Amino acid sequence: MKRSLVVFSIALLASSAALPGQRPAASLTLLPASEHSSGEGFVSTPAQEPLPPSFAPFSRFAFGGGISPLGIQMQSATSLNRRINARFTGNLFNLRRGNISTNGFSVDARINLASAGASLDFYPFPRHGLRLSPGVLFYNTNAATGQFTASPGTSFTLNDVTYYSSSSNPVRGNGFLGLHKQNPALTLTAGWGNMIPRSGGHLSFPVEIGVAFIGAPDVAIHLTSGQACDANGHNCVDVTTNPDVQANLAGQVAKYKSNLEPLKTYPIVSFGAAYSFGFRSSPAH
């Protein structure tokens, strides 16, 4: 009986010693034994692999800037999950340009662009930059205005009819172009480059292309003063009241509206740079 017990004990110890060699290899980290440990020296624990970046709702933010046909652009974005960002965009641009010649008129023009929008950026392949972005332009006052003059004695045309500006009372007027008939307006864009890189980086260079459905442009032109004459400077009429001049002015406005009709789907082509950062810690997704 004693011999059997000794043999069983030896076999049990041998099998226990062999077990570690049969388990898959694991990365171990040596740590000092705690004061409550019954052993001395070091104990081994499995090494912890670093967690991937977290993209829980509102856990990461980004800010950026760029340029587009809507103006100088500022953007911000936040993560909603690993595949979706919420993005907010503001655009602003002002320009004054004088001495523009068109149809015999000298125009002093002002361009005033101001808009803001929001979109959801969907990334089908999170680690790649391709995205689809439906959104809305909820604020839009984009417009251009102009003051124009037909120099004394020079010709100008309205609806392909030629007139001559009076030498003593030249023709003057003003015009308006509105690019915000549909307000708010839906937007649809695609792009490359994630403002919040899923690789965990900070810097990105997003590119975007698409359209805003702003509606047909508004065009208004008014002749405010002056007389239109024949080539010899005779038979002058008041351009603000003469029915023939006003009819040709209406025809000219109709042509401008037709030419500008494609802008009802206003092009969006933008590029810029952005920087992202973590806002709070949260479980990885």
C-alpha atoms as a PDB file:
ATOM      1  CA  MET A   1       0.000   0.000   0.000  1.00  0.00           C
ATOM      2  CA  LYS A   2       2.777   2.439   0.877  1.00  0.00           C
ATOM      3  CA  ARG A   3       4.601   1.569  -2.326  1.00  0.00           C
ATOM      4  CA  SER A   4       1.454   2.258  -4.398  1.00  0.00           C
ATOM      5  CA  LEU A   5       0.940   5.610  -2.682  1.00  0.00           C
ATOM      6  CA  VAL A   6       4.546   6.634  -3.396  1.00  0.00           C
ATOM      7  CA  VAL A   7       4.244   5.637  -7.062  1.00  0.00           C
ATOM      8  CA  PHE A   8       0.926   7.579  -7.413  1.00  0.00           C
ATOM      9  CA  SER A   9       2.424  10.697  -5.832  1.00  0.00           C
ATOM     10  CA  ILE A  10       5.451  10.624  -8.166  1.00  0.00           C
ATOM     11  CA  ALA A  11       3.192  10.219 -11.215  1.00  0.00           C
ATOM     12  CA  LEU A  12       0.980  13.122 -10.117  1.00  0.00           C
ATOM     13  CA  LEU A  13       3.991  15.442  -9.659  1.00  0.00           C
ATOM     14  CA  ALA A  14       5.386  14.456 -13.051  1.00  0.00           C
ATOM     15  CA  SER A  15       2.100  15.168 -14.847  1.00  0.00           C
ATOM     16  CA  SER A  16       1.762  18.544 -13.133  1.00  0.00           C
ATOM     17  CA  ALA A  17       5.280  19.517 -14.197  1.00  0.00           C
ATOM     18  CA  ALA A  18       4.513  18.565 -17.801  1.00  0.00           C
ATOM     19  CA  LEU A  19       1.308  20.679 -18.097  1.00  0.00           C
ATOM     20  CA  PRO A  20       2.967  24.105 -18.719  1.00  0.00           C
ATOM     21  CA  GLY A  21       4.825  22.689 -21.693  1.00  0.00           C
ATOM     22  CA  GLN A  22       1.543  21.545 -23.267  1.00  0.00           C
ATOM     23  CA  ARG A  23      -0.127  24.997 -23.122  1.00  0.00           C
ATOM     24  CA  PRO A  24       0.237  27.567 -25.936  1.00  0.00           C
ATOM     25  CA  ALA A  25       3.066  30.019 -25.406  1.00  0.00           C
ATOM     26  CA  ALA A  26       1.983  33.328 -23.875  1.00  0.00           C
ATOM     27  CA  SER A  27       3.750  36.638 -23.369  1.00  0.00           C
ATOM     28  CA  LEU A  28       4.557  37.066 -19.680  1.00  0.00           C
ATOM     29  CA  THR A  29       5.493  40.074 -17.635  1.00  0.00           C
ATOM     30  CA  LEU A  30       7.420  39.693 -14.353  1.00  0.00           C
ATOM     31  CA  LEU A  31       6.071  41.712 -11.448  1.00  0.00           C
ATOM     32  CA  PRO A  32       7.297  41.926  -7.839  1.00  0.00           C
ATOM     33  CA  ALA A  33       5.381  39.613  -5.513  1.00  0.00           C
ATOM     34  CA  SER A  34       2.918  41.453  -3.276  1.00  0.00           C
ATOM     35  CA  GLU A  35       3.354  41.461   0.443  1.00  0.00           C
ATOM     36  CA  HIS A  36       0.385  39.091   0.705  1.00  0.00           C
ATOM     37  CA  SER A  37       1.881  36.581  -1.699  1.00  0.00           C
ATOM     38  CA  SER A  38       3.145  33.352  -0.197  1.00  0.00           C
ATOM     39  CA  GLY A  39       6.052  33.260  -2.687  1.00  0.00           C
ATOM     40  CA  GLU A  40       9.134  35.404  -2.930  1.00  0.00           C
ATOM     41  CA  GLY A  41      10.775  37.369  -5.754  1.00  0.00           C
ATOM     42  CA  PHE A  42       8.571  37.839  -8.866  1.00  0.00           C
ATOM     43  CA  VAL A  43       5.253  36.547 -10.139  1.00  0.00           C
ATOM     44  CA  SER A  44       4.286  36.340 -13.830  1.00  0.00           C
ATOM     45  CA  THR A  45       1.149  37.868 -15.425  1.00  0.00           C
ATOM     46  CA  PRO A  46       0.094  37.970 -19.112  1.00  0.00           C
ATOM     47  CA  ALA A  47       1.169  41.221 -20.906  1.00  0.00           C
ATOM     48  CA  GLN A  48      -1.724  43.531 -21.895  1.00  0.00           C
ATOM     49  CA  GLU A  49      -1.894  44.531 -25.569  1.00  0.00           C
ATOM     50  CA  PRO A  50      -2.675  48.246 -26.186  1.00  0.00           C
ATOM     51  CA  LEU A  51      -6.354  48.940 -26.846  1.00  0.00           C
ATOM     52  CA  PRO A  52      -7.363  50.408 -30.242  1.00  0.00           C
ATOM     53  CA  PRO A  53      -8.515  54.068 -30.306  1.00  0.00           C
ATOM     54  CA  SER A  54     -12.003  54.605 -28.923  1.00  0.00           C
ATOM     55  CA  PHE A  55     -14.710  56.045 -31.184  1.00  0.00           C
ATOM     56  CA  ALA A  56     -17.606  56.073 -28.755  1.00  0.00           C
ATOM     57  CA  PRO A  57     -20.099  58.943 -29.242  1.00  0.00           C
ATOM     58  CA  PHE A  58     -18.437  62.343 -28.746  1.00  0.00           C
ATOM     59  CA  SER A  59     -15.169  60.771 -27.564  1.00  0.00           C
ATOM     60  CA  ARG A  60     -13.070  62.435 -30.282  1.00  0.00           C
ATOM     61  CA  PHE A  61     -13.240  65.854 -31.951  1.00  0.00           C
ATOM     62  CA  ALA A  62     -11.555  67.560 -34.880  1.00  0.00           C
ATOM     63  CA  PHE A  63     -11.218  71.095 -36.239  1.00  0.00           C
ATOM     64  CA  GLY A  64     -10.086  72.102 -39.710  1.00  0.00           C
ATOM     65  CA  GLY A  65     -10.101  74.680 -42.458  1.00  0.00           C
ATOM     66  CA  GLY A  66     -10.139  74.808 -46.239  1.00  0.00           C
ATOM     67  CA  ILE A  67     -11.527  76.507 -49.330  1.00  0.00           C
ATOM     68  CA  SER A  68     -14.500  75.790 -51.608  1.00  0.00           C
ATOM     69  CA  PRO A  69     -16.886  77.627 -53.985  1.00  0.00           C
ATOM     70  CA  LEU A  70     -18.874  78.476 -50.832  1.00  0.00           C
ATOM     71  CA  GLY A  71     -15.939  80.504 -49.489  1.00  0.00           C
ATOM     72  CA  ILE A  72     -13.241  80.155 -46.855  1.00  0.00           C
ATOM     73  CA  GLN A  73     -14.266  77.128 -44.850  1.00  0.00           C
ATOM     74  CA  MET A  74     -14.078  76.168 -41.164  1.00  0.00           C
ATOM     75  CA  GLN A  75     -15.129  72.707 -40.038  1.00  0.00           C
ATOM     76  CA  SER A  76     -15.591  70.725 -36.848  1.00  0.00           C
ATOM     77  CA  ALA A  77     -16.430  67.049 -36.417  1.00  0.00           C
ATOM     78  CA  THR A  78     -17.076  64.525 -33.679  1.00  0.00           C
ATOM     79  CA  SER A  79     -17.224  60.736 -33.717  1.00  0.00           C
ATOM     80  CA  LEU A  80     -20.599  59.018 -33.282  1.00  0.00           C
ATOM     81  CA  ASN A  81     -19.245  55.501 -33.725  1.00  0.00           C
ATOM     82  CA  ARG A  82     -16.498  53.779 -35.660  1.00  0.00           C
ATOM     83  CA  ARG A  83     -18.187  54.363 -39.038  1.00  0.00           C
ATOM     84  CA  ILE A  84     -19.979  57.713 -38.602  1.00  0.00           C
ATOM     85  CA  ASN A  85     -18.960  61.298 -37.810  1.00  0.00           C
ATOM     86  CA  ALA A  86     -21.165  64.337 -37.327  1.00  0.00           C
ATOM     87  CA  ARG A  87     -19.664  67.358 -39.114  1.00  0.00           C
ATOM     88  CA  PHE A  88     -20.456  71.081 -39.004  1.00  0.00           C
ATOM     89  CA  THR A  89     -19.270  73.570 -41.632  1.00  0.00           C
ATOM     90  CA  GLY A  90     -19.188  77.357 -41.890  1.00  0.00           C
ATOM     91  CA  ASN A  91     -18.200  79.368 -44.983  1.00  0.00           C
ATOM     92  CA  LEU A  92     -17.453  83.045 -45.445  1.00  0.00           C
ATOM     93  CA  PHE A  93     -16.108  85.165 -48.292  1.00  0.00           C
ATOM     94  CA  ASN A  94     -16.393  88.797 -49.386  1.00  0.00           C
ATOM     95  CA  LEU A  95     -14.993  90.412 -52.517  1.00  0.00           C
ATOM     96  CA  ARG A  96     -15.417  93.737 -54.265  1.00  0.00           C
ATOM     97  CA  ARG A  97     -14.490  93.932 -57.925  1.00  0.00           C
ATOM     98  CA  GLY A  98     -14.803  97.071 -60.044  1.00  0.00           C
ATOM     99  CA  ASN A  99     -14.540  97.883 -63.754  1.00  0.00           C
ATOM    100  CA  ILE A 100     -16.180  94.676 -64.976  1.00  0.00           C
ATOM    101  CA  SER A 101     -17.461  95.166 -68.523  1.00  0.00           C
ATOM    102  CA  THR A 102     -20.577  93.395 -69.774  1.00  0.00           C
ATOM    103  CA  ASN A 103     -23.037  94.317 -72.541  1.00  0.00           C
ATOM    104  CA  GLY A 104     -21.534  97.794 -72.700  1.00  0.00           C
ATOM    105  CA  PHE A 105     -21.919  98.480 -68.975  1.00  0.00           C
ATOM    106  CA  SER A 106     -19.145  99.055 -66.455  1.00  0.00           C
ATOM    107  CA  VAL A 107     -20.025  97.137 -63.285  1.00  0.00           C
ATOM    108  CA  ASP A 108     -18.876  97.593 -59.702  1.00  0.00           C
ATOM    109  CA  ALA A 109     -19.675  94.177 -58.157  1.00  0.00           C
ATOM    110  CA  ARG A 110     -19.701  92.827 -54.614  1.00  0.00           C
ATOM    111  CA  ILE A 111     -19.745  89.130 -53.747  1.00  0.00           C
ATOM    112  CA  ASN A 112     -20.961  88.231 -50.265  1.00  0.00           C
ATOM    113  CA  LEU A 113     -20.896  84.552 -49.308  1.00  0.00           C
ATOM    114  CA  ALA A 114     -22.010  83.317 -45.887  1.00  0.00           C
ATOM    115  CA  SER A 115     -23.391  79.847 -45.147  1.00  0.00           C
ATOM    116  CA  ALA A 116     -23.423  77.092 -42.542  1.00  0.00           C
ATOM    117  CA  GLY A 117     -24.323  73.423 -42.727  1.00  0.00           C
ATOM    118  CA  ALA A 118     -24.211  70.031 -41.065  1.00  0.00           C
ATOM    119  CA  SER A 119     -23.753  66.501 -42.403  1.00  0.00           C
ATOM    120  CA  LEU A 120     -23.319  62.885 -41.392  1.00  0.00           C
ATOM    121  CA  ASP A 121     -20.129  61.321 -42.758  1.00  0.00           C
ATOM    122  CA  PHE A 122     -20.480  57.560 -43.395  1.00  0.00           C
ATOM    123  CA  TYR A 123     -17.246  55.558 -43.767  1.00  0.00           C
ATOM    124  CA  PRO A 124     -18.003  52.092 -45.240  1.00  0.00           C
ATOM    125  CA  PHE A 125     -14.396  51.047 -44.621  1.00  0.00           C
ATOM    126  CA  PRO A 126     -13.359  52.771 -41.373  1.00  0.00           C
ATOM    127  CA  ARG A 127      -9.603  52.482 -41.861  1.00  0.00           C
ATOM    128  CA  HIS A 128      -9.841  54.008 -45.336  1.00  0.00           C
ATOM    129  CA  GLY A 129     -10.852  57.572 -46.081  1.00  0.00           C
ATOM    130  CA  LEU A 130     -13.745  57.043 -48.526  1.00  0.00           C
ATOM    131  CA  ARG A 131     -16.988  58.575 -47.275  1.00  0.00           C
ATOM    132  CA  LEU A 132     -20.552  59.505 -48.291  1.00  0.00           C
ATOM    133  CA  SER A 133     -22.097  62.580 -46.684  1.00  0.00           C
ATOM    134  CA  PRO A 134     -25.775  63.581 -46.826  1.00  0.00           C
ATOM    135  CA  GLY A 135     -26.427  66.900 -45.128  1.00  0.00           C
ATOM    136  CA  VAL A 136     -28.222  70.221 -45.031  1.00  0.00           C
ATOM    137  CA  LEU A 137     -27.185  73.825 -45.645  1.00  0.00           C
ATOM    138  CA  PHE A 138     -29.344  75.358 -42.913  1.00  0.00           C
ATOM    139  CA  TYR A 139     -28.064  78.939 -43.292  1.00  0.00           C
ATOM    140  CA  ASN A 140     -27.346  80.575 -46.652  1.00  0.00           C
ATOM    141  CA  THR A 141     -27.180  84.242 -47.655  1.00  0.00           C
ATOM    142  CA  ASN A 142     -24.887  83.808 -50.686  1.00  0.00           C
ATOM    143  CA  ALA A 143     -25.447  86.670 -53.114  1.00  0.00           C
ATOM    144  CA  ALA A 144     -23.816  89.177 -55.423  1.00  0.00           C
ATOM    145  CA  THR A 145     -24.816  92.783 -56.031  1.00  0.00           C
ATOM    146  CA  GLY A 146     -23.658  95.335 -58.565  1.00  0.00           C
ATOM    147  CA  GLN A 147     -23.925  98.957 -59.579  1.00  0.00           C
ATOM    148  CA  PHE A 148     -23.513  99.616 -63.313  1.00  0.00           C
ATOM    149  CA  THR A 149     -23.168 102.540 -65.692  1.00  0.00           C
ATOM    150  CA  ALA A 150     -23.130 102.943 -69.439  1.00  0.00           C
ATOM    151  CA  SER A 151     -20.583 105.685 -70.065  1.00  0.00           C
ATOM    152  CA  PRO A 152     -21.915 108.801 -71.842  1.00  0.00           C
ATOM    153  CA  GLY A 153     -22.158 108.337 -75.596  1.00  0.00           C
ATOM    154  CA  THR A 154     -21.276 104.619 -75.524  1.00  0.00           C
ATOM    155  CA  SER A 155     -23.452 101.746 -76.690  1.00  0.00           C
ATOM    156  CA  PHE A 156     -25.033  99.010 -74.569  1.00  0.00           C
ATOM    157  CA  THR A 157     -27.330  96.123 -75.385  1.00  0.00           C
ATOM    158  CA  LEU A 158     -30.493  94.745 -73.796  1.00  0.00           C
ATOM    159  CA  ASN A 159     -31.929  91.529 -75.250  1.00  0.00           C
ATOM    160  CA  ASP A 160     -29.746  91.976 -78.382  1.00  0.00           C
ATOM    161  CA  VAL A 161     -31.100  95.509 -78.989  1.00  0.00           C
ATOM    162  CA  THR A 162     -28.457  98.241 -79.098  1.00  0.00           C
ATOM    163  CA  TYR A 163     -28.922 101.589 -77.383  1.00  0.00           C
ATOM    164  CA  TYR A 164     -26.653 104.557 -76.754  1.00  0.00           C
ATOM    165  CA  SER A 165     -26.247 106.147 -73.366  1.00  0.00           C
ATOM    166  CA  SER A 166     -27.091 109.857 -73.340  1.00  0.00           C
ATOM    167  CA  SER A 167     -24.080 112.163 -73.227  1.00  0.00           C
ATOM    168  CA  SER A 168     -25.815 114.422 -70.726  1.00  0.00           C
ATOM    169  CA  ASN A 169     -27.775 111.821 -68.756  1.00  0.00           C
ATOM    170  CA  PRO A 170     -25.996 108.445 -68.865  1.00  0.00           C
ATOM    171  CA  VAL A 171     -27.808 105.225 -68.038  1.00  0.00           C
ATOM    172  CA  ARG A 172     -27.303 103.753 -64.558  1.00  0.00           C
ATOM    173  CA  GLY A 173     -28.737 100.775 -62.726  1.00  0.00           C
ATOM    174  CA  ASN A 174     -28.232  98.023 -60.193  1.00  0.00           C
ATOM    175  CA  GLY A 175     -28.457  94.263 -60.130  1.00  0.00           C
ATOM    176  CA  PHE A 176     -28.828  91.372 -57.706  1.00  0.00           C
ATOM    177  CA  LEU A 177     -27.952  87.669 -57.915  1.00  0.00           C
ATOM    178  CA  GLY A 178     -29.245  85.439 -55.113  1.00  0.00           C
ATOM    179  CA  LEU A 179     -27.968  81.902 -54.560  1.00  0.00           C
ATOM    180  CA  HIS A 180     -30.263  80.906 -51.718  1.00  0.00           C
ATOM    181  CA  LYS A 181     -33.761  80.363 -53.095  1.00  0.00           C
ATOM    182  CA  GLN A 182     -34.042  76.951 -51.404  1.00  0.00           C
ATOM    183  CA  ASN A 183     -33.175  77.676 -47.779  1.00  0.00           C
ATOM    184  CA  PRO A 184     -32.459  75.381 -46.018  1.00  0.00           C
ATOM    185  CA  ALA A 185     -31.021  73.275 -48.822  1.00  0.00           C
ATOM    186  CA  LEU A 186     -30.059  69.614 -48.965  1.00  0.00           C
ATOM    187  CA  THR A 187     -26.449  68.702 -49.750  1.00  0.00           C
ATOM    188  CA  LEU A 188     -24.922  65.468 -50.999  1.00  0.00           C
ATOM    189  CA  THR A 189     -21.185  64.957 -51.192  1.00  0.00           C
ATOM    190  CA  ALA A 190     -18.527  62.263 -51.316  1.00  0.00           C
ATOM    191  CA  GLY A 191     -14.955  62.577 -50.212  1.00  0.00           C
ATOM    192  CA  TRP A 192     -11.664  61.106 -49.160  1.00  0.00           C
ATOM    193  CA  GLY A 193      -9.909  61.690 -45.862  1.00  0.00           C
ATOM    194  CA  ASN A 194     -11.327  61.312 -42.364  1.00  0.00           C
ATOM    195  CA  MET A 195     -11.133  64.350 -40.089  1.00  0.00           C
ATOM    196  CA  ILE A 196     -10.931  61.830 -37.209  1.00  0.00           C
ATOM    197  CA  PRO A 197      -8.566  59.130 -38.555  1.00  0.00           C
ATOM    198  CA  ARG A 198      -9.590  55.622 -37.461  1.00  0.00           C
ATOM    199  CA  SER A 199      -5.909  54.728 -37.252  1.00  0.00           C
ATOM    200  CA  GLY A 200      -5.690  56.988 -34.197  1.00  0.00           C
ATOM    201  CA  GLY A 201      -3.635  59.723 -35.903  1.00  0.00           C
ATOM    202  CA  HIS A 202      -4.237  63.445 -35.519  1.00  0.00           C
ATOM    203  CA  LEU A 203      -3.591  65.196 -38.853  1.00  0.00           C
ATOM    204  CA  SER A 204      -5.675  64.701 -42.005  1.00  0.00           C
ATOM    205  CA  PHE A 205      -6.202  66.387 -45.377  1.00  0.00           C
ATOM    206  CA  PRO A 206      -9.847  65.817 -46.390  1.00  0.00           C
ATOM    207  CA  VAL A 207     -11.129  66.346 -49.937  1.00  0.00           C
ATOM    208  CA  GLU A 208     -14.810  66.676 -50.825  1.00  0.00           C
ATOM    209  CA  ILE A 209     -16.902  66.910 -53.990  1.00  0.00           C
ATOM    210  CA  GLY A 210     -20.666  67.179 -54.387  1.00  0.00           C
ATOM    211  CA  VAL A 211     -23.583  69.592 -54.720  1.00  0.00           C
ATOM    212  CA  ALA A 212     -25.993  71.747 -52.717  1.00  0.00           C
ATOM    213  CA  PHE A 213     -29.568  71.874 -54.011  1.00  0.00           C
ATOM    214  CA  ILE A 214     -30.060  75.641 -53.552  1.00  0.00           C
ATOM    215  CA  GLY A 215     -32.826  76.182 -56.118  1.00  0.00           C
ATOM    216  CA  ALA A 216     -32.782  78.348 -59.224  1.00  0.00           C
ATOM    217  CA  PRO A 217     -30.795  81.590 -58.792  1.00  0.00           C
ATOM    218  CA  ASP A 218     -32.710  84.833 -58.340  1.00  0.00           C
ATOM    219  CA  VAL A 219     -31.768  87.550 -60.840  1.00  0.00           C
ATOM    220  CA  ALA A 220     -33.019  91.124 -60.668  1.00  0.00           C
ATOM    221  CA  ILE A 221     -31.844  94.131 -62.718  1.00  0.00           C
ATOM    222  CA  HIS A 222     -33.203  97.664 -62.480  1.00  0.00           C
ATOM    223  CA  LEU A 223     -32.426 100.739 -64.586  1.00  0.00           C
ATOM    224  CA  THR A 224     -32.527 103.572 -62.073  1.00  0.00           C
ATOM    225  CA  SER A 225     -31.772 106.667 -64.167  1.00  0.00           C
ATOM    226  CA  GLY A 226     -30.636 107.964 -67.550  1.00  0.00           C
ATOM    227  CA  GLN A 227     -31.716 108.175 -71.142  1.00  0.00           C
ATOM    228  CA  ALA A 228     -31.188 105.793 -74.045  1.00  0.00           C
ATOM    229  CA  CYS A 229     -30.745 107.340 -77.503  1.00  0.00           C
ATOM    230  CA  ASP A 230     -30.151 106.314 -81.106  1.00  0.00           C
ATOM    231  CA  ALA A 231     -26.680 106.179 -82.678  1.00  0.00           C
ATOM    232  CA  ASN A 232     -26.787 109.909 -83.430  1.00  0.00           C
ATOM    233  CA  GLY A 233     -27.692 110.823 -79.861  1.00  0.00           C
ATOM    234  CA  HIS A 234     -31.262 111.702 -80.813  1.00  0.00           C
ATOM    235  CA  ASN A 235     -34.700 110.335 -79.935  1.00  0.00           C
ATOM    236  CA  CYS A 236     -33.699 109.819 -76.326  1.00  0.00           C
ATOM    237  CA  VAL A 237     -36.127 108.118 -73.918  1.00  0.00           C
ATOM    238  CA  ASP A 238     -36.216 107.682 -70.155  1.00  0.00           C
ATOM    239  CA  VAL A 239     -35.014 104.140 -69.472  1.00  0.00           C
ATOM    240  CA  THR A 240     -36.986 103.889 -66.201  1.00  0.00           C
ATOM    241  CA  THR A 241     -40.374 104.340 -67.880  1.00  0.00           C
ATOM    242  CA  ASN A 242     -40.071 103.576 -71.595  1.00  0.00           C
ATOM    243  CA  PRO A 243     -42.035 100.347 -72.292  1.00  0.00           C
ATOM    244  CA  ASP A 244     -39.723  99.159 -75.092  1.00  0.00           C
ATOM    245  CA  VAL A 245     -36.613  99.554 -72.955  1.00  0.00           C
ATOM    246  CA  GLN A 246     -38.298  97.832 -70.001  1.00  0.00           C
ATOM    247  CA  ALA A 247     -39.480  94.952 -72.218  1.00  0.00           C
ATOM    248  CA  ASN A 248     -35.954  94.412 -73.534  1.00  0.00           C
ATOM    249  CA  LEU A 249     -34.624  94.610 -69.983  1.00  0.00           C
ATOM    250  CA  ALA A 250     -37.049  91.843 -68.944  1.00  0.00           C
ATOM    251  CA  GLY A 251     -35.882  89.752 -71.914  1.00  0.00           C
ATOM    252  CA  GLN A 252     -32.252  90.236 -70.872  1.00  0.00           C
ATOM    253  CA  VAL A 253     -33.034  89.152 -67.291  1.00  0.00           C
ATOM    254  CA  ALA A 254     -34.771  86.030 -68.640  1.00  0.00           C
ATOM    255  CA  LYS A 255     -31.611  85.153 -70.601  1.00  0.00           C
ATOM    256  CA  TYR A 256     -29.451  85.568 -67.497  1.00  0.00           C
ATOM    257  CA  LYS A 257     -31.788  83.316 -65.508  1.00  0.00           C
ATOM    258  CA  SER A 258     -31.630  80.656 -68.207  1.00  0.00           C
ATOM    259  CA  ASN A 259     -27.835  80.785 -68.341  1.00  0.00           C
ATOM    260  CA  LEU A 260     -27.570  80.523 -64.550  1.00  0.00           C
ATOM    261  CA  GLU A 261     -30.142  77.715 -64.201  1.00  0.00           C
ATOM    262  CA  PRO A 262     -27.462  75.002 -63.736  1.00  0.00           C
ATOM    263  CA  LEU A 263     -26.390  76.691 -60.477  1.00  0.00           C
ATOM    264  CA  LYS A 264     -29.542  75.350 -58.789  1.00  0.00           C
ATOM    265  CA  THR A 265     -27.292  72.366 -58.044  1.00  0.00           C
ATOM    266  CA  TYR A 266     -24.452  74.450 -56.676  1.00  0.00           C
ATOM    267  CA  PRO A 267     -21.054  72.710 -56.923  1.00  0.00           C
ATOM    268  CA  ILE A 268     -19.089  71.883 -53.774  1.00  0.00           C
ATOM    269  CA  VAL A 269     -15.413  71.100 -54.271  1.00  0.00           C
ATOM    270  CA  SER A 270     -13.299  71.598 -51.173  1.00  0.00           C
ATOM    271  CA  PHE A 271      -9.945  70.618 -49.723  1.00  0.00           C
ATOM    272  CA  GLY A 272      -8.119  71.520 -46.535  1.00  0.00           C
ATOM    273  CA  ALA A 273      -6.497  70.203 -43.365  1.00  0.00           C
ATOM    274  CA  ALA A 274      -7.807  69.084 -39.966  1.00  0.00           C
ATOM    275  CA  TYR A 275      -6.492  68.101 -36.537  1.00  0.00           C
ATOM    276  CA  SER A 276      -8.242  65.612 -34.231  1.00  0.00           C
ATOM    277  CA  PHE A 277      -7.906  64.837 -30.538  1.00  0.00           C
ATOM    278  CA  GLY A 278      -9.499  62.713 -27.807  1.00  0.00           C
ATOM    279  CA  PHE A 279     -11.981  64.430 -25.538  1.00  0.00           C
ATOM    280  CA  ARG A 280     -12.634  61.733 -22.953  1.00  0.00           C
ATOM    281  CA  SER A 281     -11.744  58.117 -22.328  1.00  0.00           C
ATOM    282  CA  SER A 282     -14.317  55.443 -23.075  1.00  0.00           C
ATOM    283  CA  PRO A 283     -14.455  51.746 -23.950  1.00  0.00           C
ATOM    284  CA  ALA A 284     -13.012  50.827 -27.325  1.00  0.00           C
ATOM    285  CA  HIS A 285     -15.376  50.199 -30.214  1.00  0.00           C
END
